[in-house]
PDB file of N, CA and C in Angstrom:
ATOM      1  N   GLU A   1      17.497 -45.779 -60.916  1.00  0.00           N
ATOM      2  CA  GLU A   1      18.176 -47.322 -59.907  1.00  0.00           C
ATOM      3  C   GLU A   1      16.583 -47.871 -59.244  1.00  0.00           C
ATOM      4  N   VAL A   2      17.265 -49.413 -59.843  1.00  0.00           N
ATOM      5  CA  VAL A   2      16.278 -50.268 -59.065  1.00  0.00           C
ATOM      6  C   VAL A   2      16.053 -50.847 -57.601  1.00  0.00           C
ATOM      7  N   ASN A   3      14.663 -50.402 -56.949  1.00  0.00           N
ATOM      8  CA  ASN A   3      15.147 -50.653 -55.793  1.00  0.00           C
ATOM      9  C   ASN A   3      13.495 -50.244 -55.053  1.00  0.00           C
ATOM     10  N   GLU A   4      13.324 -50.637 -53.475  1.00  0.00           N
ATOM     11  CA  GLU A   4      12.342 -50.707 -53.523  1.00  0.00           C
ATOM     12  C   GLU A   4      12.080 -49.767 -53.663  1.00  0.00           C
ATOM     13  N   GLU A   5      12.481 -48.467 -53.663  1.00  0.00           N
ATOM     14  CA  GLU A   5      11.689 -46.973 -52.742  1.00  0.00           C
ATOM     15  C   GLU A   5      10.666 -46.752 -55.184  1.00  0.00           C
ATOM     16  N   THR A   6      12.183 -46.748 -55.275  1.00  0.00           N
ATOM     17  CA  THR A   6      11.250 -46.593 -57.383  1.00  0.00           C
ATOM     18  C   THR A   6      10.833 -47.734 -57.555  1.00  0.00           C
ATOM     19  N   LEU A   7      10.349 -49.195 -57.546  1.00  0.00           N
ATOM     20  CA  LEU A   7       9.432 -50.098 -57.484  1.00  0.00           C
ATOM     21  C   LEU A   7       8.189 -49.341 -56.909  1.00  0.00           C
ATOM     22  N   GLN A   8       8.000 -48.602 -55.855  1.00  0.00           N
ATOM     23  CA  GLN A   8       6.912 -48.540 -55.063  1.00  0.00           C
ATOM     24  C   GLN A   8       6.452 -47.203 -55.971  1.00  0.00           C
ATOM     25  N   GLN A   9       7.041 -46.146 -56.420  1.00  0.00           N
ATOM     26  CA  GLN A   9       6.409 -45.041 -56.315  1.00  0.00           C
ATOM     27  C   GLN A   9       6.066 -45.699 -58.430  1.00  0.00           C
ATOM     28  N   LEU A  10       6.826 -46.497 -59.726  1.00  0.00           N
ATOM     29  CA  LEU A  10       6.384 -46.571 -60.510  1.00  0.00           C
ATOM     30  C   LEU A  10       5.284 -47.332 -61.343  1.00  0.00           C
ATOM     31  N   SER A  11       5.343 -47.792 -59.895  1.00  0.00           N
ATOM     32  CA  SER A  11       3.682 -48.856 -60.123  1.00  0.00           C
ATOM     33  C   SER A  11       2.354 -48.986 -60.075  1.00  0.00           C
ATOM     34  N   SER A  12       2.567 -47.724 -59.002  1.00  0.00           N
ATOM     35  CA  SER A  12       1.394 -46.838 -59.133  1.00  0.00           C
ATOM     36  C   SER A  12       1.161 -46.037 -60.890  1.00  0.00           C
ATOM     37  N   TYR A  13       2.127 -46.383 -61.669  1.00  0.00           N
ATOM     38  CA  TYR A  13       1.852 -45.985 -63.151  1.00  0.00           C
ATOM     39  C   TYR A  13       1.550 -46.798 -64.275  1.00  0.00           C
ATOM     40  N   CYS A  14       1.639 -48.104 -63.568  1.00  0.00           N
ATOM     41  CA  CYS A  14       0.806 -49.215 -64.667  1.00  0.00           C
ATOM     42  C   CYS A  14       1.239 -50.974 -64.335  1.00  0.00           C
ATOM     43  N   ASP A  15       0.378 -51.419 -64.612  1.00  0.00           N
ATOM     44  CA  ASP A  15       0.014 -52.461 -64.174  1.00  0.00           C
ATOM     45  C   ASP A  15       1.530 -54.027 -63.961  1.00  0.00           C
ATOM     46  N   GLU A  16       2.325 -53.788 -64.233  1.00  0.00           N
ATOM     47  CA  GLU A  16       3.389 -54.772 -64.360  1.00  0.00           C
ATOM     48  C   GLU A  16       4.514 -54.117 -64.399  1.00  0.00           C
ATOM     49  N   PHE A  17       5.318 -55.118 -63.940  1.00  0.00           N
ATOM     50  CA  PHE A  17       7.221 -54.164 -64.639  1.00  0.00           C
ATOM     51  C   PHE A  17       7.816 -55.475 -65.710  1.00  0.00           C
ATOM     52  N   LEU A  18       8.416 -54.432 -66.724  1.00  0.00           N
ATOM     53  CA  LEU A  18       9.197 -55.842 -67.057  1.00  0.00           C
ATOM     54  C   LEU A  18      10.721 -55.056 -67.489  1.00  0.00           C
ATOM     55  N   VAL A  19      11.622 -56.244 -66.514  1.00  0.00           N
ATOM     56  CA  VAL A  19      13.144 -55.203 -66.155  1.00  0.00           C
ATOM     57  C   VAL A  19      13.906 -55.797 -66.749  1.00  0.00           C
ATOM     58  N   HIS A  20      14.684 -55.469 -67.694  1.00  0.00           N
ATOM     59  CA  HIS A  20      16.046 -56.118 -68.158  1.00  0.00           C
ATOM     60  C   HIS A  20      17.487 -56.034 -67.858  1.00  0.00           C
ATOM     61  N   GLY A  21      17.908 -57.472 -67.462  1.00  0.00           N
ATOM     62  CA  GLY A  21      19.064 -57.310 -66.441  1.00  0.00           C
ATOM     63  C   GLY A  21      20.049 -56.812 -67.899  1.00  0.00           C
ATOM     64  N   VAL A  22      20.475 -55.377 -68.541  1.00  0.00           N
ATOM     65  CA  VAL A  22      20.617 -54.931 -69.847  1.00  0.00           C
ATOM     66  C   VAL A  22      21.897 -55.563 -70.094  1.00  0.00           C
ATOM     67  N   GLU A  23      23.002 -55.325 -68.898  1.00  0.00           N
ATOM     68  CA  GLU A  23      24.382 -55.788 -68.752  1.00  0.00           C
ATOM     69  C   GLU A  23      24.650 -58.288 -70.156  1.00  0.00           C
ATOM     70  N   ASN A  24      23.737 -58.271 -69.455  1.00  0.00           N
ATOM     71  CA  ASN A  24      23.529 -59.761 -69.713  1.00  0.00           C
ATOM     72  C   ASN A  24      22.522 -59.906 -70.025  1.00  0.00           C
ATOM     73  N   GLU A  25      21.595 -59.129 -71.225  1.00  0.00           N
ATOM     74  CA  GLU A  25      21.334 -58.918 -72.454  1.00  0.00           C
ATOM     75  C   GLU A  25      21.505 -59.931 -73.612  1.00  0.00           C
ATOM     76  N   GLY A  26      21.117 -60.740 -74.180  1.00  0.00           N
ATOM     77  CA  GLY A  26      21.281 -61.304 -75.292  1.00  0.00           C
ATOM     78  C   GLY A  26      22.953 -62.039 -75.155  1.00  0.00           C
ATOM     79  N   LYS A  27      23.717 -62.571 -73.842  1.00  0.00           N
ATOM     80  CA  LYS A  27      24.627 -62.891 -74.064  1.00  0.00           C
ATOM     81  C   LYS A  27      25.073 -64.254 -73.373  1.00  0.00           C
ATOM     82  N   ARG A  28      23.330 -64.585 -72.624  1.00  0.00           N
ATOM     83  CA  ARG A  28      23.000 -65.911 -72.411  1.00  0.00           C
ATOM     84  C   ARG A  28      24.220 -66.321 -71.560  1.00  0.00           C
ATOM     85  N   CYS A  29      24.171 -65.389 -70.232  1.00  0.00           N
ATOM     86  CA  CYS A  29      25.793 -65.718 -69.430  1.00  0.00           C
ATOM     87  C   CYS A  29      25.036 -66.070 -67.676  1.00  0.00           C
ATOM     88  N   GLY A  30      23.903 -66.089 -67.761  1.00  0.00           N
ATOM     89  CA  GLY A  30      23.115 -66.902 -66.717  1.00  0.00           C
ATOM     90  C   GLY A  30      22.590 -65.178 -65.859  1.00  0.00           C
ATOM     91  N   ILE A  31      21.664 -65.221 -65.479  1.00  0.00           N
ATOM     92  CA  ILE A  31      20.732 -64.239 -65.104  1.00  0.00           C
ATOM     93  C   ILE A  31      21.647 -63.147 -63.907  1.00  0.00           C
ATOM     94  N   LEU A  32      21.093 -62.683 -63.482  1.00  0.00           N
ATOM     95  CA  LEU A  32      21.595 -61.582 -62.378  1.00  0.00           C
ATOM     96  C   LEU A  32      20.605 -61.934 -61.280  1.00  0.00           C
ATOM     97  N   GLU A  33      20.801 -62.606 -60.761  1.00  0.00           N
ATOM     98  CA  GLU A  33      20.187 -63.246 -58.993  1.00  0.00           C
ATOM     99  C   GLU A  33      20.145 -62.233 -58.402  1.00  0.00           C
ATOM    100  N   ASP A  34      20.843 -60.885 -57.865  1.00  0.00           N
ATOM    101  CA  ASP A  34      20.580 -59.953 -57.119  1.00  0.00           C
ATOM    102  C   ASP A  34      19.689 -59.064 -57.813  1.00  0.00           C
ATOM    103  N   LEU A  35      19.134 -59.267 -59.134  1.00  0.00           N
ATOM    104  CA  LEU A  35      17.758 -58.273 -59.590  1.00  0.00           C
ATOM    105  C   LEU A  35      16.899 -59.031 -59.423  1.00  0.00           C
ATOM    106  N   VAL A  36      17.047 -60.065 -59.449  1.00  0.00           N
ATOM    107  CA  VAL A  36      16.007 -61.325 -59.197  1.00  0.00           C
ATOM    108  C   VAL A  36      15.345 -61.475 -57.903  1.00  0.00           C
ATOM    109  N   ILE A  37      16.113 -61.390 -56.934  1.00  0.00           N
ATOM    110  CA  ILE A  37      16.158 -60.899 -55.411  1.00  0.00           C
ATOM    111  C   ILE A  37      15.021 -60.064 -55.293  1.00  0.00           C
ATOM    112  N   LEU A  38      16.094 -59.286 -55.750  1.00  0.00           N
ATOM    113  CA  LEU A  38      15.283 -57.389 -55.220  1.00  0.00           C
ATOM    114  C   LEU A  38      14.038 -57.656 -55.830  1.00  0.00           C
ATOM    115  N   LEU A  39      13.679 -57.640 -57.067  1.00  0.00           N
ATOM    116  CA  LEU A  39      12.801 -57.749 -57.969  1.00  0.00           C
ATOM    117  C   LEU A  39      11.672 -58.546 -56.859  1.00  0.00           C
ATOM    118  N   GLY A  40      11.462 -59.747 -56.440  1.00  0.00           N
ATOM    119  CA  GLY A  40      11.000 -60.877 -56.224  1.00  0.00           C
ATOM    120  C   GLY A  40      10.365 -60.056 -54.105  1.00  0.00           C
ATOM    121  N   LYS A  41      11.076 -59.914 -53.936  1.00  0.00           N
ATOM    122  CA  LYS A  41      11.028 -58.980 -52.556  1.00  0.00           C
ATOM    123  C   LYS A  41      10.282 -57.229 -52.376  1.00  0.00           C
ATOM    124  N   TYR A  42      10.133 -56.987 -53.609  1.00  0.00           N
ATOM    125  CA  TYR A  42      10.051 -55.531 -53.415  1.00  0.00           C
ATOM    126  C   TYR A  42       9.266 -55.115 -54.473  1.00  0.00           C
ATOM    127  N   SER A  43       8.383 -56.200 -55.458  1.00  0.00           N
ATOM    128  CA  SER A  43       7.834 -55.427 -56.266  1.00  0.00           C
ATOM    129  C   SER A  43       6.236 -55.446 -55.840  1.00  0.00           C
ATOM    130  N   PRO A  44       5.184 -54.341 -55.856  1.00  0.00           N
ATOM    131  CA  PRO A  44       4.038 -54.400 -55.469  1.00  0.00           C
ATOM    132  C   PRO A  44       3.508 -54.841 -56.701  1.00  0.00           C
ATOM    133  N   ILE A  45       3.790 -55.503 -57.346  1.00  0.00           N
ATOM    134  CA  ILE A  45       2.976 -55.356 -58.681  1.00  0.00           C
ATOM    135  C   ILE A  45       3.245 -57.064 -59.690  1.00  0.00           C
ATOM    136  N   PRO A  46       2.875 -57.729 -60.640  1.00  0.00           N
ATOM    137  CA  PRO A  46       3.526 -58.609 -61.387  1.00  0.00           C
ATOM    138  C   PRO A  46       4.418 -58.127 -61.447  1.00  0.00           C
ATOM    139  N   VAL A  47       6.127 -59.253 -61.706  1.00  0.00           N
ATOM    140  CA  VAL A  47       7.615 -58.502 -62.857  1.00  0.00           C
ATOM    141  C   VAL A  47       7.095 -59.611 -63.149  1.00  0.00           C
ATOM    142  N   THR A  48       8.275 -59.238 -64.324  1.00  0.00           N
ATOM    143  CA  THR A  48       9.057 -60.032 -65.381  1.00  0.00           C
ATOM    144  C   THR A  48      10.207 -60.068 -65.659  1.00  0.00           C
ATOM    145  N   TYR A  49      11.127 -60.444 -65.277  1.00  0.00           N
ATOM    146  CA  TYR A  49      13.083 -60.662 -65.697  1.00  0.00           C
ATOM    147  C   TYR A  49      13.215 -60.716 -66.852  1.00  0.00           C
ATOM    148  N   ALA A  50      13.980 -60.049 -67.747  1.00  0.00           N
ATOM    149  CA  ALA A  50      14.844 -60.031 -68.815  1.00  0.00           C
ATOM    150  C   ALA A  50      16.338 -59.850 -68.875  1.00  0.00           C
ATOM    151  N   GLY A  51      16.938 -61.208 -69.511  1.00  0.00           N
ATOM    152  CA  GLY A  51      17.771 -61.450 -69.183  1.00  0.00           C
ATOM    153  C   GLY A  51      18.904 -62.154 -69.202  1.00  0.00           C
ATOM    154  N   GLY A  52      20.044 -62.012 -69.984  1.00  0.00           N
ATOM    155  CA  GLY A  52      20.786 -63.414 -69.834  1.00  0.00           C
ATOM    156  C   GLY A  52      20.797 -64.896 -69.615  1.00  0.00           C
ATOM    157  N   VAL A  53      19.774 -65.093 -69.645  1.00  0.00           N
ATOM    158  CA  VAL A  53      19.023 -66.840 -69.565  1.00  0.00           C
ATOM    159  C   VAL A  53      20.076 -67.203 -70.526  1.00  0.00           C
ATOM    160  N   GLN A  54      20.537 -68.912 -70.147  1.00  0.00           N
ATOM    161  CA  GLN A  54      21.107 -70.100 -70.552  1.00  0.00           C
ATOM    162  C   GLN A  54      21.394 -70.672 -71.073  1.00  0.00           C
ATOM    163  N   GLY A  55      20.359 -71.360 -69.983  1.00  0.00           N
ATOM    164  CA  GLY A  55      19.640 -72.684 -69.481  1.00  0.00           C
ATOM    165  C   GLY A  55      18.455 -72.885 -69.103  1.00  0.00           C
ATOM    166  N   MET A  56      18.069 -74.141 -68.970  1.00  0.00           N
ATOM    167  CA  MET A  56      16.689 -74.578 -67.868  1.00  0.00           C
ATOM    168  C   MET A  56      16.927 -74.045 -66.862  1.00  0.00           C
ATOM    169  N   ASN A  57      18.417 -74.431 -65.589  1.00  0.00           N
ATOM    170  CA  ASN A  57      18.163 -74.342 -65.070  1.00  0.00           C
ATOM    171  C   ASN A  57      18.136 -72.725 -63.693  1.00  0.00           C
ATOM    172  N   ASP A  58      18.209 -71.795 -65.547  1.00  0.00           N
ATOM    173  CA  ASP A  58      17.536 -70.605 -64.752  1.00  0.00           C
ATOM    174  C   ASP A  58      16.702 -69.997 -64.657  1.00  0.00           C
ATOM    175  N   LEU A  59      15.388 -70.932 -64.988  1.00  0.00           N
ATOM    176  CA  LEU A  59      13.804 -71.020 -64.946  1.00  0.00           C
ATOM    177  C   LEU A  59      13.857 -71.448 -63.996  1.00  0.00           C
ATOM    178  N   GLU A  60      14.314 -71.957 -62.501  1.00  0.00           N
ATOM    179  CA  GLU A  60      14.393 -72.495 -61.517  1.00  0.00           C
ATOM    180  C   GLU A  60      14.800 -71.959 -60.495  1.00  0.00           C
ATOM    181  N   MET A  61      16.075 -70.980 -61.042  1.00  0.00           N
ATOM    182  CA  MET A  61      16.647 -70.389 -60.628  1.00  0.00           C
ATOM    183  C   MET A  61      15.611 -68.951 -60.147  1.00  0.00           C
ATOM    184  N   VAL A  62      15.281 -68.450 -61.403  1.00  0.00           N
ATOM    185  CA  VAL A  62      14.420 -67.551 -60.901  1.00  0.00           C
ATOM    186  C   VAL A  62      12.838 -67.404 -60.198  1.00  0.00           C
ATOM    187  N   LYS A  63      12.518 -68.907 -60.711  1.00  0.00           N
ATOM    188  CA  LYS A  63      11.579 -68.927 -59.719  1.00  0.00           C
ATOM    189  C   LYS A  63      12.034 -69.561 -58.091  1.00  0.00           C
ATOM    190  N   THR A  64      12.930 -70.191 -57.580  1.00  0.00           N
ATOM    191  CA  THR A  64      13.519 -69.930 -56.568  1.00  0.00           C
ATOM    192  C   THR A  64      13.894 -68.138 -55.739  1.00  0.00           C
ATOM    193  N   LEU A  65      15.129 -68.021 -56.497  1.00  0.00           N
ATOM    194  CA  LEU A  65      15.394 -67.162 -55.880  1.00  0.00           C
ATOM    195  C   LEU A  65      14.423 -65.454 -55.809  1.00  0.00           C
ATOM    196  N   GLY A  66      13.439 -65.096 -57.349  1.00  0.00           N
ATOM    197  CA  GLY A  66      12.158 -64.620 -57.094  1.00  0.00           C
ATOM    198  C   GLY A  66      10.647 -65.038 -56.186  1.00  0.00           C
ATOM    199  N   ASP A  67      11.079 -65.792 -54.876  1.00  0.00           N
ATOM    200  CA  ASP A  67       9.930 -66.214 -54.021  1.00  0.00           C
ATOM    201  C   ASP A  67       8.487 -66.713 -54.681  1.00  0.00           C
ATOM    202  N   GLY A  68       8.653 -67.002 -56.935  1.00  0.00           N
ATOM    203  CA  GLY A  68       7.808 -67.742 -56.758  1.00  0.00           C
ATOM    204  C   GLY A  68       7.169 -66.610 -57.487  1.00  0.00           C
ATOM    205  N   LYS A  69       7.444 -64.971 -57.599  1.00  0.00           N
ATOM    206  CA  LYS A  69       6.761 -63.909 -57.727  1.00  0.00           C
ATOM    207  C   LYS A  69       7.329 -62.811 -59.137  1.00  0.00           C
ATOM    208  N   VAL A  70       8.733 -63.777 -59.809  1.00  0.00           N
ATOM    209  CA  VAL A  70       8.729 -62.983 -60.661  1.00  0.00           C
ATOM    210  C   VAL A  70       8.670 -64.432 -62.005  1.00  0.00           C
ATOM    211  N   ASP A  71       8.661 -63.144 -62.738  1.00  0.00           N
ATOM    212  CA  ASP A  71       8.029 -64.243 -64.360  1.00  0.00           C
ATOM    213  C   ASP A  71       9.178 -64.221 -64.833  1.00  0.00           C
ATOM    214  N   LEU A  72       9.603 -64.949 -66.296  1.00  0.00           N
ATOM    215  CA  LEU A  72      10.666 -64.521 -66.780  1.00  0.00           C
ATOM    216  C   LEU A  72      10.409 -64.407 -68.505  1.00  0.00           C
ATOM    217  N   THR A  73      11.608 -63.708 -69.272  1.00  0.00           N
ATOM    218  CA  THR A  73      11.053 -64.082 -70.550  1.00  0.00           C
ATOM    219  C   THR A  73      12.765 -64.366 -70.854  1.00  0.00           C
ATOM    220  N   ILE A  74      12.239 -65.428 -72.137  1.00  0.00           N
ATOM    221  CA  ILE A  74      14.014 -66.180 -73.149  1.00  0.00           C
ATOM    222  C   ILE A  74      14.079 -65.345 -74.512  1.00  0.00           C
ATOM    223  N   GLY A  75      14.928 -64.910 -74.282  1.00  0.00           N
ATOM    224  CA  GLY A  75      15.058 -64.625 -75.921  1.00  0.00           C
ATOM    225  C   GLY A  75      15.526 -65.554 -76.886  1.00  0.00           C
ATOM    226  N   SER A  76      17.022 -64.564 -76.744  1.00  0.00           N
ATOM    227  CA  SER A  76      18.340 -65.781 -77.626  1.00  0.00           C
ATOM    228  C   SER A  76      18.894 -66.647 -77.386  1.00  0.00           C
ATOM    229  N   ALA A  77      18.462 -67.294 -76.178  1.00  0.00           N
ATOM    230  CA  ALA A  77      19.225 -68.840 -75.846  1.00  0.00           C
ATOM    231  C   ALA A  77      17.892 -70.018 -76.405  1.00  0.00           C
ATOM    232  N   LEU A  78      17.246 -69.771 -76.848  1.00  0.00           N
ATOM    233  CA  LEU A  78      15.797 -70.548 -77.603  1.00  0.00           C
ATOM    234  C   LEU A  78      15.983 -70.652 -78.605  1.00  0.00           C
ATOM    235  N   ASP A  79      16.013 -71.948 -78.992  1.00  0.00           N
ATOM    236  CA  ASP A  79      16.253 -72.897 -80.358  1.00  0.00           C
ATOM    237  C   ASP A  79      15.785 -72.290 -81.752  1.00  0.00           C
ATOM    238  N   CYS A  80      14.566 -71.345 -80.973  1.00  0.00           N
ATOM    239  CA  CYS A  80      13.901 -71.151 -82.296  1.00  0.00           C
ATOM    240  C   CYS A  80      14.502 -69.680 -82.774  1.00  0.00           C
ATOM    241  N   PHE A  81      15.575 -69.199 -82.124  1.00  0.00           N
ATOM    242  CA  PHE A  81      16.729 -67.889 -82.236  1.00  0.00           C
ATOM    243  C   PHE A  81      17.680 -67.450 -82.263  1.00  0.00           C
ATOM    244  N   GLY A  82      18.251 -69.093 -82.281  1.00  0.00           N
ATOM    245  CA  GLY A  82      19.507 -69.499 -82.850  1.00  0.00           C
ATOM    246  C   GLY A  82      20.441 -70.412 -81.024  1.00  0.00           C
ATOM    247  N   GLY A  83      19.318 -69.721 -80.144  1.00  0.00           N
ATOM    248  CA  GLY A  83      20.666 -70.763 -79.195  1.00  0.00           C
ATOM    249  C   GLY A  83      19.737 -72.515 -79.458  1.00  0.00           C
ATOM    250  N   ASP A  84      20.321 -72.366 -77.668  1.00  0.00           N
ATOM    251  CA  ASP A  84      20.933 -74.627 -77.488  1.00  0.00           C
ATOM    252  C   ASP A  84      19.303 -75.058 -76.900  1.00  0.00           C
ATOM    253  N   MET A  85      18.784 -73.597 -76.019  1.00  0.00           N
ATOM    254  CA  MET A  85      17.654 -73.918 -75.384  1.00  0.00           C
ATOM    255  C   MET A  85      16.345 -74.550 -76.209  1.00  0.00           C
ATOM    256  N   SER A  86      15.805 -75.881 -75.614  1.00  0.00           N
ATOM    257  CA  SER A  86      14.725 -76.056 -76.610  1.00  0.00           C
ATOM    258  C   SER A  86      13.113 -75.521 -76.314  1.00  0.00           C
ATOM    259  N   TYR A  87      12.641 -74.417 -77.623  1.00  0.00           N
ATOM    260  CA  TYR A  87      10.971 -73.713 -77.067  1.00  0.00           C
ATOM    261  C   TYR A  87      10.775 -75.247 -76.741  1.00  0.00           C
ATOM    262  N   ASP A  88       9.907 -76.154 -76.865  1.00  0.00           N
ATOM    263  CA  ASP A  88       9.028 -77.094 -77.100  1.00  0.00           C
ATOM    264  C   ASP A  88       9.655 -78.142 -75.067  1.00  0.00           C
ATOM    265  N   GLU A  89      10.600 -77.461 -74.672  1.00  0.00           N
ATOM    266  CA  GLU A  89      10.973 -77.390 -73.355  1.00  0.00           C
ATOM    267  C   GLU A  89      10.564 -76.305 -72.256  1.00  0.00           C
ATOM    268  N   VAL A  90      11.260 -75.519 -72.468  1.00  0.00           N
ATOM    269  CA  VAL A  90      10.634 -74.819 -72.038  1.00  0.00           C
ATOM    270  C   VAL A  90       9.277 -74.431 -71.437  1.00  0.00           C
ATOM    271  N   VAL A  91       8.075 -75.064 -72.776  1.00  0.00           N
ATOM    272  CA  VAL A  91       7.022 -74.557 -72.500  1.00  0.00           C
ATOM    273  C   VAL A  91       6.438 -76.085 -71.480  1.00  0.00           C
ATOM    274  N   ALA A  92       7.164 -77.269 -71.950  1.00  0.00           N
ATOM    275  CA  ALA A  92       7.294 -78.086 -71.301  1.00  0.00           C
ATOM    276  C   ALA A  92       6.664 -77.515 -69.715  1.00  0.00           C
ATOM    277  N   TRP A  93       8.086 -77.066 -69.445  1.00  0.00           N
ATOM    278  CA  TRP A  93       8.685 -76.620 -68.214  1.00  0.00           C
ATOM    279  C   TRP A  93       7.448 -75.935 -67.457  1.00  0.00           C
ATOM    280  N   HIS A  94       7.019 -74.433 -67.864  1.00  0.00           N
ATOM    281  CA  HIS A  94       5.797 -74.103 -67.848  1.00  0.00           C
ATOM    282  C   HIS A  94       4.312 -74.670 -67.488  1.00  0.00           C
ATOM    283  N   LYS A  95       4.541 -75.456 -68.746  1.00  0.00           N
ATOM    284  CA  LYS A  95       2.657 -76.076 -68.173  1.00  0.00           C
ATOM    285  C   LYS A  95       2.714 -76.820 -66.975  1.00  0.00           C
ATOM    286  N   LYS A  96       4.149 -77.809 -66.437  1.00  0.00           N
ATOM    287  CA  LYS A  96       4.092 -77.499 -65.661  1.00  0.00           C
ATOM    288  C   LYS A  96       4.431 -77.700 -64.479  1.00  0.00           C
ATOM    289  N   GLU A  97       4.566 -76.092 -64.242  1.00  0.00           N
ATOM    290  CA  GLU A  97       4.646 -75.744 -63.472  1.00  0.00           C
ATOM    291  C   GLU A  97       3.505 -75.064 -62.840  1.00  0.00           C
ATOM    292  N   ASN A  98       2.427 -74.571 -64.045  1.00  0.00           N
ATOM    293  CA  ASN A  98       1.661 -73.809 -63.933  1.00  0.00           C
ATOM    294  C   ASN A  98       0.181 -74.756 -64.025  1.00  0.00           C
ATOM    295  N   SER A  99       0.512 -76.161 -63.635  1.00  0.00           N
ATOM    296  CA  SER A  99      -1.331 -77.055 -63.761  1.00  0.00           C
ATOM    297  C   SER A  99      -1.504 -77.554 -62.448  1.00  0.00           C
ATOM    298  N   GLY A 100      -1.389 -76.589 -61.606  1.00  0.00           N
ATOM    299  CA  GLY A 100      -1.787 -76.607 -60.495  1.00  0.00           C
ATOM    300  C   GLY A 100      -1.381 -77.642 -59.684  1.00  0.00           C
TER     301      GLY A 100
END
């Protein structure tokens, strides 16, 4: 179970978490908002969420819900993997967000 206690415990064995919302993985049905909130609130180390991304609005949602502490990985939603999201648009969004 992913919760504050397990995140604290496991953080001593790694430098970063990659957490998959497995019930949404590959379905392009939206992110697991409650999981992103939990990760942003309790992860003591850098954390990346994966699963369910369906559009550009999900990038903003993860940023907001994760309080700027949760990174995001996108798979099947990207056009280079057969999805509708433009890889170039995602890269441009990321560059804009990280331009300081």
